[in-house]
Amino acid sequence: MASQIDVEGFSDLSLKEKANTINAALLEPLEEYRLPTPLEFLPMEADITPEILRVSEQRVQKVLSRLNPGKACGPDRIPNWLLKEYSDAVAFPVTEILNASYSEQHLPRMWKLADVTPLPKKKSVKELKKDLRPISLTPCISKVAEGFIVDDYVKPAVMSIIDDSQYGAIPNSSTTMALISMLHNWSINTDGNGATITKN
């Protein structure tokens, strides 16, 4: 990839300096999101018990058994094929780890790490920030943990506010349903007002 980078002075840098330069360029857009101070936990009233996600061993085993064995592993170096192949054996400890993480509302440090590979968007990279795309490989178990949060909280929250006439990126929906809805609306709006609609 270094041969594709055509940035002034880049070829004169050592490998470590090149890596640090690329790293700084990829991190720069994220600086505006850095918190000036860490978030503080808000005190909770003693009689209020928050709803905490708990996943079953069967659910974890099902997700692990469906992992793509060809995907690369993250910085924890635990390959997907291992988790998939031995899903029945590792489901219990993984379930305990996930439920502990959810109940403590704390992510293990390893789950926050990622191996980032910069891939060029074009054949020749003129500007590091614009022409490189960072591809992050996170630990598989952190993706599994994230998937349960998305399935149980994020998807239902999003689906509850999406308009009924939205068909794109909706489960069990299609362009055919969008076309049927369109034709139905046209037909309703032309009924009884003297207007006509032609269907071929």
C-alpha atoms as a PDB file:
ATOM      1  CA  MET A   1       0.000   0.000   0.000  1.00  0.00           C
ATOM      2  CA  ALA A   2       2.891   2.393   0.732  1.00  0.00           C
ATOM      3  CA  SER A   3       3.690   2.478  -3.004  1.00  0.00           C
ATOM      4  CA  GLN A   4       0.190   3.865  -3.707  1.00  0.00           C
ATOM      5  CA  ILE A   5       0.651   6.844  -1.372  1.00  0.00           C
ATOM      6  CA  ASP A   6       1.747   9.918  -3.295  1.00  0.00           C
ATOM      7  CA  VAL A   7       1.970  12.426  -0.427  1.00  0.00           C
ATOM      8  CA  GLU A   8       4.901  14.836  -0.298  1.00  0.00           C
ATOM      9  CA  GLY A   9       7.670  13.623   2.026  1.00  0.00           C
ATOM     10  CA  PHE A  10       5.890  10.354   2.844  1.00  0.00           C
ATOM     11  CA  SER A  11       8.428   8.120   1.091  1.00  0.00           C
ATOM     12  CA  ASP A  12      11.259   9.599   3.211  1.00  0.00           C
ATOM     13  CA  LEU A  13       9.656   8.468   6.493  1.00  0.00           C
ATOM     14  CA  SER A  14      10.545   5.303   8.392  1.00  0.00           C
ATOM     15  CA  LEU A  15       7.913   2.535   8.600  1.00  0.00           C
ATOM     16  CA  LYS A  16       7.002   3.598  12.146  1.00  0.00           C
ATOM     17  CA  GLU A  17       6.664   7.266  11.106  1.00  0.00           C
ATOM     18  CA  LYS A  18       4.508   6.248   8.124  1.00  0.00           C
ATOM     19  CA  ALA A  19       2.216   4.232  10.402  1.00  0.00           C
ATOM     20  CA  ASN A  20       1.966   7.118  12.891  1.00  0.00           C
ATOM     21  CA  THR A  21       1.241   9.618  10.094  1.00  0.00           C
ATOM     22  CA  ILE A  22      -1.563   7.450   8.695  1.00  0.00           C
ATOM     23  CA  ASN A  23      -2.895   6.828  12.210  1.00  0.00           C
ATOM     24  CA  ALA A  24      -2.980  10.573  12.983  1.00  0.00           C
ATOM     25  CA  ALA A  25      -4.758  11.296   9.682  1.00  0.00           C
ATOM     26  CA  LEU A  26      -7.436   8.668  10.376  1.00  0.00           C
ATOM     27  CA  LEU A  27      -7.969   9.833  13.975  1.00  0.00           C
ATOM     28  CA  GLU A  28      -8.186  13.568  13.217  1.00  0.00           C
ATOM     29  CA  PRO A  29     -11.877  13.592  12.142  1.00  0.00           C
ATOM     30  CA  LEU A  30     -12.808  11.848  15.427  1.00  0.00           C
ATOM     31  CA  GLU A  31     -11.207  14.495  17.644  1.00  0.00           C
ATOM     32  CA  GLU A  32     -14.348  16.657  17.614  1.00  0.00           C
ATOM     33  CA  TYR A  33     -16.206  13.804  19.344  1.00  0.00           C
ATOM     34  CA  ARG A  34     -13.665  13.404  22.164  1.00  0.00           C
ATOM     35  CA  LEU A  35     -15.204  14.202  25.543  1.00  0.00           C
ATOM     36  CA  PRO A  36     -13.334  16.842  27.569  1.00  0.00           C
ATOM     37  CA  THR A  37     -13.989  14.831  30.737  1.00  0.00           C
ATOM     38  CA  PRO A  38     -15.171  11.243  31.224  1.00  0.00           C
ATOM     39  CA  LEU A  39     -18.906  10.694  31.549  1.00  0.00           C
ATOM     40  CA  GLU A  40     -20.143  10.527  35.114  1.00  0.00           C
ATOM     41  CA  PHE A  41     -22.606   7.938  36.353  1.00  0.00           C
ATOM     42  CA  LEU A  42     -25.889   9.542  37.326  1.00  0.00           C
ATOM     43  CA  PRO A  43     -27.189   8.533  40.742  1.00  0.00           C
ATOM     44  CA  MET A  44     -30.225   6.282  40.596  1.00  0.00           C
ATOM     45  CA  GLU A  45     -33.061   6.225  43.069  1.00  0.00           C
ATOM     46  CA  ALA A  46     -32.891   3.194  45.352  1.00  0.00           C
ATOM     47  CA  ASP A  47     -36.384   1.935  44.520  1.00  0.00           C
ATOM     48  CA  ILE A  48     -35.820   2.008  40.747  1.00  0.00           C
ATOM     49  CA  THR A  49     -34.344  -1.104  39.184  1.00  0.00           C
ATOM     50  CA  PRO A  50     -33.127  -0.559  35.612  1.00  0.00           C
ATOM     51  CA  GLU A  51     -33.974  -3.094  32.947  1.00  0.00           C
ATOM     52  CA  ILE A  52     -30.766  -4.999  32.279  1.00  0.00           C
ATOM     53  CA  LEU A  53     -30.364  -7.210  29.252  1.00  0.00           C
ATOM     54  CA  ARG A  54     -29.795 -10.878  30.015  1.00  0.00           C
ATOM     55  CA  VAL A  55     -29.159 -13.377  27.261  1.00  0.00           C
ATOM     56  CA  SER A  56     -29.721 -17.106  27.464  1.00  0.00           C
ATOM     57  CA  GLU A  57     -27.077 -19.729  26.813  1.00  0.00           C
ATOM     58  CA  GLN A  58     -29.194 -21.134  23.964  1.00  0.00           C
ATOM     59  CA  ARG A  59     -29.384 -17.742  22.276  1.00  0.00           C
ATOM     60  CA  VAL A  60     -25.616 -17.228  22.559  1.00  0.00           C
ATOM     61  CA  GLN A  61     -24.950 -20.755  21.261  1.00  0.00           C
ATOM     62  CA  LYS A  62     -27.225 -20.101  18.275  1.00  0.00           C
ATOM     63  CA  VAL A  63     -25.393 -16.856  17.399  1.00  0.00           C
ATOM     64  CA  LEU A  64     -21.948 -18.442  17.832  1.00  0.00           C
ATOM     65  CA  SER A  65     -22.904 -21.419  15.650  1.00  0.00           C
ATOM     66  CA  ARG A  66     -23.832 -19.019  12.827  1.00  0.00           C
ATOM     67  CA  LEU A  67     -20.571 -17.041  12.811  1.00  0.00           C
ATOM     68  CA  ASN A  68     -18.768 -16.746   9.491  1.00  0.00           C
ATOM     69  CA  PRO A  69     -15.599 -18.857   9.902  1.00  0.00           C
ATOM     70  CA  GLY A  70     -13.883 -17.027   7.045  1.00  0.00           C
ATOM     71  CA  LYS A  71     -13.915 -13.632   8.773  1.00  0.00           C
ATOM     72  CA  ALA A  72     -10.664 -12.351  10.244  1.00  0.00           C
ATOM     73  CA  CYS A  73     -10.249 -12.165  14.006  1.00  0.00           C
ATOM     74  CA  GLY A  74      -9.728  -8.970  15.970  1.00  0.00           C
ATOM     75  CA  PRO A  75      -6.972  -7.995  18.408  1.00  0.00           C
ATOM     76  CA  ASP A  76      -7.991 -10.764  20.843  1.00  0.00           C
ATOM     77  CA  ARG A  77      -6.824 -13.296  18.208  1.00  0.00           C
ATOM     78  CA  ILE A  78      -9.830 -15.569  18.845  1.00  0.00           C
ATOM     79  CA  PRO A  79     -10.887 -16.753  15.369  1.00  0.00           C
ATOM     80  CA  ASN A  80     -14.542 -17.079  14.391  1.00  0.00           C
ATOM     81  CA  TRP A  81     -14.054 -20.672  13.259  1.00  0.00           C
ATOM     82  CA  LEU A  82     -13.027 -21.650  16.806  1.00  0.00           C
ATOM     83  CA  LEU A  83     -16.114 -20.044  18.376  1.00  0.00           C
ATOM     84  CA  LYS A  84     -18.336 -21.583  15.697  1.00  0.00           C
ATOM     85  CA  GLU A  85     -16.813 -25.068  15.855  1.00  0.00           C
ATOM     86  CA  TYR A  86     -16.980 -25.241  19.658  1.00  0.00           C
ATOM     87  CA  SER A  87     -20.105 -23.107  20.130  1.00  0.00           C
ATOM     88  CA  ASP A  88     -21.769 -25.729  22.317  1.00  0.00           C
ATOM     89  CA  ALA A  89     -18.736 -25.832  24.660  1.00  0.00           C
ATOM     90  CA  VAL A  90     -18.037 -22.078  24.872  1.00  0.00           C
ATOM     91  CA  ALA A  91     -21.660 -20.872  24.970  1.00  0.00           C
ATOM     92  CA  PHE A  92     -21.899 -21.048  28.771  1.00  0.00           C
ATOM     93  CA  PRO A  93     -18.729 -19.033  29.602  1.00  0.00           C
ATOM     94  CA  VAL A  94     -19.471 -16.516  26.834  1.00  0.00           C
ATOM     95  CA  THR A  95     -23.029 -16.107  28.167  1.00  0.00           C
ATOM     96  CA  GLU A  96     -21.701 -15.478  31.685  1.00  0.00           C
ATOM     97  CA  ILE A  97     -19.208 -12.896  30.375  1.00  0.00           C
ATOM     98  CA  LEU A  98     -21.882 -11.107  28.317  1.00  0.00           C
ATOM     99  CA  ASN A  99     -24.413 -11.022  31.164  1.00  0.00           C
ATOM    100  CA  ALA A 100     -21.752  -9.762  33.600  1.00  0.00           C
ATOM    101  CA  SER A 101     -20.835  -7.010  31.139  1.00  0.00           C
ATOM    102  CA  TYR A 102     -24.494  -6.007  30.701  1.00  0.00           C
ATOM    103  CA  SER A 103     -25.278  -6.025  34.433  1.00  0.00           C
ATOM    104  CA  GLU A 104     -22.128  -4.061  35.342  1.00  0.00           C
ATOM    105  CA  GLN A 105     -22.740  -1.726  32.380  1.00  0.00           C
ATOM    106  CA  HIS A 106     -19.067  -2.015  31.557  1.00  0.00           C
ATOM    107  CA  LEU A 107     -17.265  -3.202  28.430  1.00  0.00           C
ATOM    108  CA  PRO A 108     -14.083  -5.212  28.916  1.00  0.00           C
ATOM    109  CA  ARG A 109     -11.107  -3.186  27.710  1.00  0.00           C
ATOM    110  CA  MET A 110     -10.218  -5.776  25.057  1.00  0.00           C
ATOM    111  CA  TRP A 111     -13.628  -5.301  23.416  1.00  0.00           C
ATOM    112  CA  LYS A 112     -12.854  -1.624  22.826  1.00  0.00           C
ATOM    113  CA  LEU A 113      -9.694  -2.376  20.849  1.00  0.00           C
ATOM    114  CA  ALA A 114      -9.572  -2.821  17.083  1.00  0.00           C
ATOM    115  CA  ASP A 115      -7.027  -3.709  14.441  1.00  0.00           C
ATOM    116  CA  VAL A 116      -7.377  -0.906  11.890  1.00  0.00           C
ATOM    117  CA  THR A 117      -6.235  -1.417   8.308  1.00  0.00           C
ATOM    118  CA  PRO A 118      -6.189   1.629   6.015  1.00  0.00           C
ATOM    119  CA  LEU A 119      -7.405   0.731   2.522  1.00  0.00           C
ATOM    120  CA  PRO A 120      -7.002   3.133  -0.402  1.00  0.00           C
ATOM    121  CA  LYS A 121     -10.235   4.398  -1.982  1.00  0.00           C
ATOM    122  CA  LYS A 122      -8.327   5.232  -5.189  1.00  0.00           C
ATOM    123  CA  LYS A 123      -5.278   3.780  -6.951  1.00  0.00           C
ATOM    124  CA  SER A 124      -3.196   6.806  -6.007  1.00  0.00           C
ATOM    125  CA  VAL A 125      -3.513   8.319  -2.534  1.00  0.00           C
ATOM    126  CA  LYS A 126      -2.982  12.092  -2.682  1.00  0.00           C
ATOM    127  CA  GLU A 127      -4.553  13.027   0.669  1.00  0.00           C
ATOM    128  CA  LEU A 128      -4.424  10.623   3.597  1.00  0.00           C
ATOM    129  CA  LYS A 129      -7.661  11.844   5.229  1.00  0.00           C
ATOM    130  CA  LYS A 130      -9.716  11.721   2.027  1.00  0.00           C
ATOM    131  CA  ASP A 131      -8.247   8.811   0.101  1.00  0.00           C
ATOM    132  CA  LEU A 132      -7.860   6.180   2.840  1.00  0.00           C
ATOM    133  CA  ARG A 133     -10.715   4.180   4.352  1.00  0.00           C
ATOM    134  CA  PRO A 134     -10.100   2.670   7.800  1.00  0.00           C
ATOM    135  CA  ILE A 135     -11.351  -0.908   8.137  1.00  0.00           C
ATOM    136  CA  SER A 136     -11.650  -1.957  11.791  1.00  0.00           C
ATOM    137  CA  LEU A 137     -11.507  -5.533  13.017  1.00  0.00           C
ATOM    138  CA  THR A 138     -12.979  -5.761  16.513  1.00  0.00           C
ATOM    139  CA  PRO A 139     -13.098  -8.878  18.700  1.00  0.00           C
ATOM    140  CA  CYS A 140     -15.819 -11.299  17.627  1.00  0.00           C
ATOM    141  CA  ILE A 141     -17.336 -11.507  21.112  1.00  0.00           C
ATOM    142  CA  SER A 142     -17.737  -7.712  21.226  1.00  0.00           C
ATOM    143  CA  LYS A 143     -19.657  -7.924  17.931  1.00  0.00           C
ATOM    144  CA  VAL A 144     -21.854 -10.654  19.420  1.00  0.00           C
ATOM    145  CA  ALA A 145     -22.509  -8.475  22.507  1.00  0.00           C
ATOM    146  CA  GLU A 146     -23.313  -5.500  20.276  1.00  0.00           C
ATOM    147  CA  GLY A 147     -25.669  -7.626  18.170  1.00  0.00           C
ATOM    148  CA  PHE A 148     -27.814  -8.501  21.197  1.00  0.00           C
ATOM    149  CA  ILE A 149     -28.097  -4.797  22.140  1.00  0.00           C
ATOM    150  CA  VAL A 150     -29.079  -3.901  18.571  1.00  0.00           C
ATOM    151  CA  ASP A 151     -31.643  -6.721  18.320  1.00  0.00           C
ATOM    152  CA  ASP A 152     -33.247  -6.094  21.724  1.00  0.00           C
ATOM    153  CA  TYR A 153     -33.115  -2.295  22.004  1.00  0.00           C
ATOM    154  CA  VAL A 154     -31.986  -0.397  18.902  1.00  0.00           C
ATOM    155  CA  LYS A 155     -34.076  -2.147  16.214  1.00  0.00           C
ATOM    156  CA  PRO A 156     -37.351  -1.994  18.191  1.00  0.00           C
ATOM    157  CA  ALA A 157     -36.750   1.692  19.017  1.00  0.00           C
ATOM    158  CA  VAL A 158     -36.051   2.571  15.372  1.00  0.00           C
ATOM    159  CA  MET A 159     -38.932   0.475  14.032  1.00  0.00           C
ATOM    160  CA  SER A 160     -41.382   2.169  16.414  1.00  0.00           C
ATOM    161  CA  ILE A 161     -40.731   5.617  14.916  1.00  0.00           C
ATOM    162  CA  ILE A 162     -40.351   4.753  11.222  1.00  0.00           C
ATOM    163  CA  ASP A 163     -43.164   5.944   8.984  1.00  0.00           C
ATOM    164  CA  ASP A 164     -45.578   3.286   7.691  1.00  0.00           C
ATOM    165  CA  SER A 165     -44.778   4.283   4.109  1.00  0.00           C
ATOM    166  CA  GLN A 166     -41.064   3.487   4.562  1.00  0.00           C
ATOM    167  CA  TYR A 167     -40.100   0.288   2.745  1.00  0.00           C
ATOM    168  CA  GLY A 168     -36.322   0.502   2.317  1.00  0.00           C
ATOM    169  CA  ALA A 169     -34.124  -1.321   4.854  1.00  0.00           C
ATOM    170  CA  ILE A 170     -37.184  -2.670   6.679  1.00  0.00           C
ATOM    171  CA  PRO A 171     -37.317  -6.372   7.633  1.00  0.00           C
ATOM    172  CA  ASN A 172     -39.866  -8.407   5.620  1.00  0.00           C
ATOM    173  CA  SER A 173     -40.348  -5.532   3.172  1.00  0.00           C
ATOM    174  CA  SER A 174     -39.540  -5.135  -0.512  1.00  0.00           C
ATOM    175  CA  THR A 175     -39.725  -2.854  -3.523  1.00  0.00           C
ATOM    176  CA  THR A 176     -42.789  -4.842  -4.622  1.00  0.00           C
ATOM    177  CA  MET A 177     -44.589  -3.773  -1.459  1.00  0.00           C
ATOM    178  CA  ALA A 178     -43.567  -0.155  -2.127  1.00  0.00           C
ATOM    179  CA  LEU A 179     -45.001  -0.339  -5.667  1.00  0.00           C
ATOM    180  CA  ILE A 180     -48.254  -1.930  -4.446  1.00  0.00           C
ATOM    181  CA  SER A 181     -48.604   0.815  -1.826  1.00  0.00           C
ATOM    182  CA  MET A 182     -47.980   3.484  -4.465  1.00  0.00           C
ATOM    183  CA  LEU A 183     -50.604   2.056  -6.835  1.00  0.00           C
ATOM    184  CA  HIS A 184     -53.066   1.698  -3.959  1.00  0.00           C
ATOM    185  CA  ASN A 185     -52.588   5.346  -2.932  1.00  0.00           C
ATOM    186  CA  TRP A 186     -52.990   6.544  -6.515  1.00  0.00           C
ATOM    187  CA  SER A 187     -56.178   4.516  -6.906  1.00  0.00           C
ATOM    188  CA  ILE A 188     -57.663   5.828  -3.654  1.00  0.00           C
ATOM    189  CA  ASN A 189     -56.814   9.429  -4.521  1.00  0.00           C
ATOM    190  CA  THR A 190     -58.412   9.209  -7.971  1.00  0.00           C
ATOM    191  CA  ASP A 191     -61.630   7.438  -6.859  1.00  0.00           C
ATOM    192  CA  GLY A 192     -64.767   9.538  -7.174  1.00  0.00           C
ATOM    193  CA  ASN A 193     -63.102  12.831  -8.127  1.00  0.00           C
ATOM    194  CA  GLY A 194     -63.332  12.493 -11.906  1.00  0.00           C
ATOM    195  CA  ALA A 195     -59.631  11.730 -12.321  1.00  0.00           C
ATOM    196  CA  THR A 196     -58.489   8.458 -13.841  1.00  0.00           C
ATOM    197  CA  ILE A 197     -55.493   6.219 -13.484  1.00  0.00           C
ATOM    198  CA  THR A 198     -54.260   3.922 -16.240  1.00  0.00           C
ATOM    199  CA  LYS A 199     -52.592   0.591 -15.473  1.00  0.00           C
ATOM    200  CA  ASN A 200     -50.775  -1.272 -18.251  1.00  0.00           C
END
